[in-house]
C-alpha atoms as a PDB file:
ATOM      1  CA  MET A   1     -17.368 -47.001 -63.073  1.00  0.00           C
ATOM      2  CA  ASN A   2     -20.485 -47.642 -65.152  1.00  0.00           C
ATOM      3  CA  TYR A   3     -23.920 -48.598 -63.841  1.00  0.00           C
ATOM      4  CA  ALA A   4     -23.591 -52.330 -64.480  1.00  0.00           C
ATOM      5  CA  ALA A   5     -20.290 -52.478 -62.626  1.00  0.00           C
ATOM      6  CA  THR A   6     -21.731 -50.516 -59.689  1.00  0.00           C
ATOM      7  CA  LEU A   7     -24.706 -52.831 -59.502  1.00  0.00           C
ATOM      8  CA  ALA A   8     -22.458 -55.901 -59.705  1.00  0.00           C
ATOM      9  CA  VAL A   9     -20.275 -54.626 -56.861  1.00  0.00           C
ATOM     10  CA  LEU A  10     -23.323 -53.956 -54.697  1.00  0.00           C
ATOM     11  CA  VAL A  11     -24.764 -57.420 -55.383  1.00  0.00           C
ATOM     12  CA  VAL A  12     -21.474 -59.076 -54.535  1.00  0.00           C
ATOM     13  CA  LEU A  13     -21.185 -57.041 -51.327  1.00  0.00           C
ATOM     14  CA  ALA A  14     -24.721 -57.944 -50.295  1.00  0.00           C
ATOM     15  CA  PHE A  15     -24.116 -61.638 -50.972  1.00  0.00           C
ATOM     16  CA  CYS A  16     -20.758 -61.702 -49.230  1.00  0.00           C
ATOM     17  CA  PHE A  17     -21.798 -59.684 -46.180  1.00  0.00           C
ATOM     18  CA  PRO A  18     -22.535 -62.621 -43.816  1.00  0.00           C
ATOM     19  CA  LEU A  19     -19.559 -64.606 -45.112  1.00  0.00           C
ATOM     20  CA  THR A  20     -17.214 -61.685 -44.592  1.00  0.00           C
ATOM     21  CA  VAL A  21     -18.407 -61.135 -41.015  1.00  0.00           C
ATOM     22  CA  GLN A  22     -17.887 -64.830 -40.175  1.00  0.00           C
ATOM     23  CA  LEU A  23     -14.457 -64.901 -41.790  1.00  0.00           C
ATOM     24  CA  ALA A  24     -13.402 -61.737 -39.974  1.00  0.00           C
ATOM     25  CA  ALA A  25     -14.579 -63.218 -36.661  1.00  0.00           C
ATOM     26  CA  GLN A  26     -12.555 -66.388 -37.279  1.00  0.00           C
ATOM     27  CA  VAL A  27      -9.426 -64.399 -38.113  1.00  0.00           C
ATOM     28  CA  GLY A  28      -9.788 -62.357 -34.934  1.00  0.00           C
ATOM     29  CA  VAL A  29     -11.207 -59.089 -36.201  1.00  0.00           C
ATOM     30  CA  PRO A  30     -13.898 -57.922 -33.798  1.00  0.00           C
ATOM     31  CA  GLU A  31     -17.409 -58.257 -35.192  1.00  0.00           C
ATOM     32  CA  ALA A  32     -18.151 -54.590 -34.523  1.00  0.00           C
ATOM     33  CA  VAL A  33     -15.253 -53.507 -36.746  1.00  0.00           C
ATOM     34  CA  ALA A  34     -16.333 -55.804 -39.575  1.00  0.00           C
ATOM     35  CA  LEU A  35     -19.950 -54.621 -39.321  1.00  0.00           C
ATOM     36  CA  SER A  36     -18.881 -50.986 -39.222  1.00  0.00           C
ATOM     37  CA  LEU A  37     -16.703 -51.380 -42.290  1.00  0.00           C
ATOM     38  CA  LEU A  38     -19.359 -53.231 -44.251  1.00  0.00           C
ATOM     39  CA  GLY A  39     -21.975 -50.716 -43.130  1.00  0.00           C
ATOM     40  CA  ALA A  40     -19.793 -47.905 -44.422  1.00  0.00           C
ATOM     41  CA  LEU A  41     -19.406 -49.679 -47.767  1.00  0.00           C
ATOM     42  CA  GLY A  42     -23.174 -50.175 -47.936  1.00  0.00           C
ATOM     43  CA  THR A  43     -23.759 -46.508 -47.172  1.00  0.00           C
ATOM     44  CA  PHE A  44     -21.279 -45.554 -49.882  1.00  0.00           C
ATOM     45  CA  GLY A  45     -23.100 -47.799 -52.354  1.00  0.00           C
ATOM     46  CA  LEU A  46     -26.477 -46.308 -51.465  1.00  0.00           C
ATOM     47  CA  ALA A  47     -25.113 -42.785 -51.755  1.00  0.00           C
ATOM     48  CA  THR A  48     -23.593 -43.572 -55.150  1.00  0.00           C
ATOM     49  CA  PHE A  49     -26.867 -44.999 -56.403  1.00  0.00           C
ATOM     50  CA  THR A  50     -28.863 -42.022 -55.100  1.00  0.00           C
ATOM     51  CA  VAL A  51     -26.551 -39.460 -56.669  1.00  0.00           C
ATOM     52  CA  ARG A  52     -26.579 -41.222 -60.038  1.00  0.00           C
ATOM     53  CA  TRP A  53     -30.373 -41.475 -59.932  1.00  0.00           C
ATOM     54  CA  GLN A  54     -30.716 -37.744 -59.183  1.00  0.00           C
ATOM     55  CA  VAL A  55     -28.279 -36.801 -61.956  1.00  0.00           C
ATOM     56  CA  ASN A  56     -30.089 -38.969 -64.505  1.00  0.00           C
ATOM     57  CA  ARG A  57     -33.451 -37.525 -63.464  1.00  0.00           C
ATOM     58  CA  HIS A  58     -32.085 -33.990 -63.852  1.00  0.00           C
ATOM     59  CA  ARG A  59     -30.630 -34.832 -67.278  1.00  0.00           C
ATOM     60  CA  ALA A  60     -33.995 -36.208 -68.386  1.00  0.00           C
ATOM     61  CA  ARG A  61     -35.713 -33.000 -67.281  1.00  0.00           C
ATOM     62  CA  LEU A  62     -33.154 -30.903 -69.138  1.00  0.00           C
ATOM     63  CA  SER A  63     -33.652 -32.931 -72.318  1.00  0.00           C
ATOM     64  CA  LEU A  64     -37.429 -32.446 -72.026  1.00  0.00           C
ATOM     65  CA  LEU A  65     -36.833 -28.745 -71.521  1.00  0.00           C
ATOM     66  CA  GLU A  66     -34.663 -28.534 -74.633  1.00  0.00           C
ATOM     67  CA  ALA A  67     -37.254 -30.445 -76.660  1.00  0.00           C
ATOM     68  CA  ALA A  68     -39.999 -28.086 -75.498  1.00  0.00           C
ATOM     69  CA  ARG A  69     -37.901 -25.019 -76.283  1.00  0.00           C
ATOM     70  CA  ALA A  70     -37.181 -26.376 -79.763  1.00  0.00           C
ATOM     71  CA  GLN A  71     -40.896 -26.959 -80.353  1.00  0.00           C
ATOM     72  CA  VAL A  72     -41.763 -23.426 -79.246  1.00  0.00           C
ATOM     73  CA  ALA A  73     -38.980 -21.947 -81.369  1.00  0.00           C
ATOM     74  CA  ALA A  74     -40.222 -23.883 -84.405  1.00  0.00           C
ATOM     75  CA  ASP A  75     -43.872 -22.806 -84.018  1.00  0.00           C
ATOM     76  CA  PRO A  76     -44.301 -20.058 -81.388  1.00  0.00           C
ATOM     77  CA  GLN A  77     -47.943 -19.368 -82.320  1.00  0.00           C
ATOM     78  CA  ASN A  78     -49.114 -22.942 -81.717  1.00  0.00           C
ATOM     79  CA  PRO A  79     -50.334 -23.510 -78.123  1.00  0.00           C
ATOM     80  CA  ARG A  80     -49.631 -27.255 -78.420  1.00  0.00           C
ATOM     81  CA  ALA A  81     -45.953 -26.507 -79.076  1.00  0.00           C
ATOM     82  CA  TYR A  82     -45.658 -25.484 -75.425  1.00  0.00           C
ATOM     83  CA  PHE A  83     -46.285 -29.093 -74.355  1.00  0.00           C
ATOM     84  CA  VAL A  84     -43.832 -31.979 -74.485  1.00  0.00           C
ATOM     85  CA  GLY A  85     -44.696 -35.383 -73.114  1.00  0.00           C
ATOM     86  CA  GLY A  86     -47.976 -33.995 -71.799  1.00  0.00           C
ATOM     87  CA  GLU A  87     -46.187 -31.414 -69.656  1.00  0.00           C
ATOM     88  CA  HIS A  88     -46.150 -27.667 -70.197  1.00  0.00           C
ATOM     89  CA  LEU A  89     -42.868 -25.819 -70.690  1.00  0.00           C
ATOM     90  CA  GLY A  90     -43.742 -23.503 -67.789  1.00  0.00           C
ATOM     91  CA  THR A  91     -44.194 -26.468 -65.450  1.00  0.00           C
ATOM     92  CA  LEU A  92     -40.837 -27.887 -66.506  1.00  0.00           C
ATOM     93  CA  LEU A  93     -39.174 -24.554 -65.789  1.00  0.00           C
ATOM     94  CA  LEU A  94     -40.834 -24.336 -62.371  1.00  0.00           C
ATOM     95  CA  ARG A  95     -39.601 -27.825 -61.527  1.00  0.00           C
ATOM     96  CA  LEU A  96     -36.079 -26.691 -62.365  1.00  0.00           C
ATOM     97  CA  ASP A  97     -36.601 -23.609 -60.149  1.00  0.00           C
ATOM     98  CA  ARG A  98     -36.466 -21.159 -63.030  1.00  0.00           C
ATOM     99  CA  ARG A  99     -39.382 -18.971 -61.959  1.00  0.00           C
ATOM    100  CA  ARG A 100     -38.530 -15.901 -64.033  1.00  0.00           C
ATOM    101  CA  GLU A 101     -38.343 -17.908 -67.271  1.00  0.00           C
ATOM    102  CA  ALA A 102     -41.513 -19.761 -66.315  1.00  0.00           C
ATOM    103  CA  ALA A 103     -43.359 -16.484 -65.777  1.00  0.00           C
ATOM    104  CA  GLU A 104     -42.311 -15.249 -69.222  1.00  0.00           C
ATOM    105  CA  VAL A 105     -43.360 -18.510 -70.892  1.00  0.00           C
ATOM    106  CA  ILE A 106     -46.710 -18.534 -69.087  1.00  0.00           C
ATOM    107  CA  ASP A 107     -47.385 -14.930 -70.141  1.00  0.00           C
ATOM    108  CA  ARG A 108     -46.520 -15.734 -73.770  1.00  0.00           C
ATOM    109  CA  TYR A 109     -48.749 -18.812 -73.627  1.00  0.00           C
ATOM    110  CA  ALA A 110     -51.620 -16.785 -72.154  1.00  0.00           C
ATOM    111  CA  ARG A 111     -51.435 -14.311 -75.051  1.00  0.00           C
ATOM    112  CA  LEU A 112     -51.914 -17.069 -77.629  1.00  0.00           C
ATOM    113  CA  GLY A 113     -55.343 -17.385 -79.182  1.00  0.00           C
ATOM    114  CA  GLY A 114     -55.817 -21.135 -78.825  1.00  0.00           C
ATOM    115  CA  ALA A 115     -54.621 -21.490 -75.233  1.00  0.00           C
ATOM    116  CA  ARG A 116     -57.161 -22.955 -72.808  1.00  0.00           C
ATOM    117  CA  GLU A 117     -58.119 -20.754 -69.887  1.00  0.00           C
ATOM    118  CA  SER A 118     -58.026 -23.671 -67.435  1.00  0.00           C
ATOM    119  CA  GLU A 119     -54.422 -24.438 -68.389  1.00  0.00           C
ATOM    120  CA  ILE A 120     -53.436 -20.794 -68.006  1.00  0.00           C
ATOM    121  CA  VAL A 121     -55.052 -20.604 -64.553  1.00  0.00           C
ATOM    122  CA  ALA A 122     -53.348 -23.826 -63.428  1.00  0.00           C
ATOM    123  CA  LEU A 123     -49.964 -22.569 -64.643  1.00  0.00           C
ATOM    124  CA  ARG A 124     -50.375 -19.223 -62.894  1.00  0.00           C
ATOM    125  CA  GLU A 125     -51.386 -20.999 -59.677  1.00  0.00           C
ATOM    126  CA  ALA A 126     -48.275 -23.180 -59.890  1.00  0.00           C
ATOM    127  CA  LEU A 127     -46.165 -20.060 -60.418  1.00  0.00           C
ATOM    128  CA  SER A 128     -47.692 -18.266 -57.431  1.00  0.00           C
ATOM    129  CA  ALA A 129     -47.203 -21.387 -55.270  1.00  0.00           C
ATOM    130  CA  ALA A 130     -43.511 -21.445 -56.268  1.00  0.00           C
ATOM    131  CA  GLU A 131     -43.211 -17.771 -55.365  1.00  0.00           C
ATOM    132  CA  ARG A 132     -44.846 -18.396 -51.953  1.00  0.00           C
ATOM    133  CA  ARG A 133     -42.410 -21.248 -51.275  1.00  0.00           C
ATOM    134  CA  ARG A 134     -39.503 -18.985 -52.187  1.00  0.00           C
ATOM    135  CA  HIS A 135     -40.740 -16.199 -49.879  1.00  0.00           C
ATOM    136  CA  ARG A 136     -41.235 -18.668 -47.006  1.00  0.00           C
ATOM    137  CA  ALA A 137     -37.731 -20.045 -47.546  1.00  0.00           C
ATOM    138  CA  GLN A 138     -36.277 -16.536 -47.531  1.00  0.00           C
ATOM    139  CA  GLY A 139     -38.191 -15.749 -44.341  1.00  0.00           C
ATOM    140  CA  ARG A 140     -36.686 -18.784 -42.610  1.00  0.00           C
ATOM    141  CA  GLU A 141     -33.184 -17.752 -43.632  1.00  0.00           C
ATOM    142  CA  ALA A 142     -33.532 -14.273 -42.162  1.00  0.00           C
END
């Protein structure tokens, strides 16, 4: 089912909710059953929307990542090639939980001549914060 069809089904369900409850009550279906069923359908709709939103957000991040990697591959000595859409490649990798790759990219970026020290410091702080979160999460699991 595509997005427009999903949205149309949800709109129709929201509009028909009170009518369906009244009709079910007239037919003899207990109101609790009708509300439970419609609540389940609403929950399913919300879950579907949330999953699709998360998948689309992840796809957008992956496309940004690919664009940044292509820029770096085309001109690895240009510090501006490490940015796409105002965001650094290392930050994108950290958001996707790819700390090892992010560390390598940040080190390469730091070795470039035109890289700003403030950007390098901010990237290294973000990397260390991600490492601390990972260690805390591992500590909770143990």
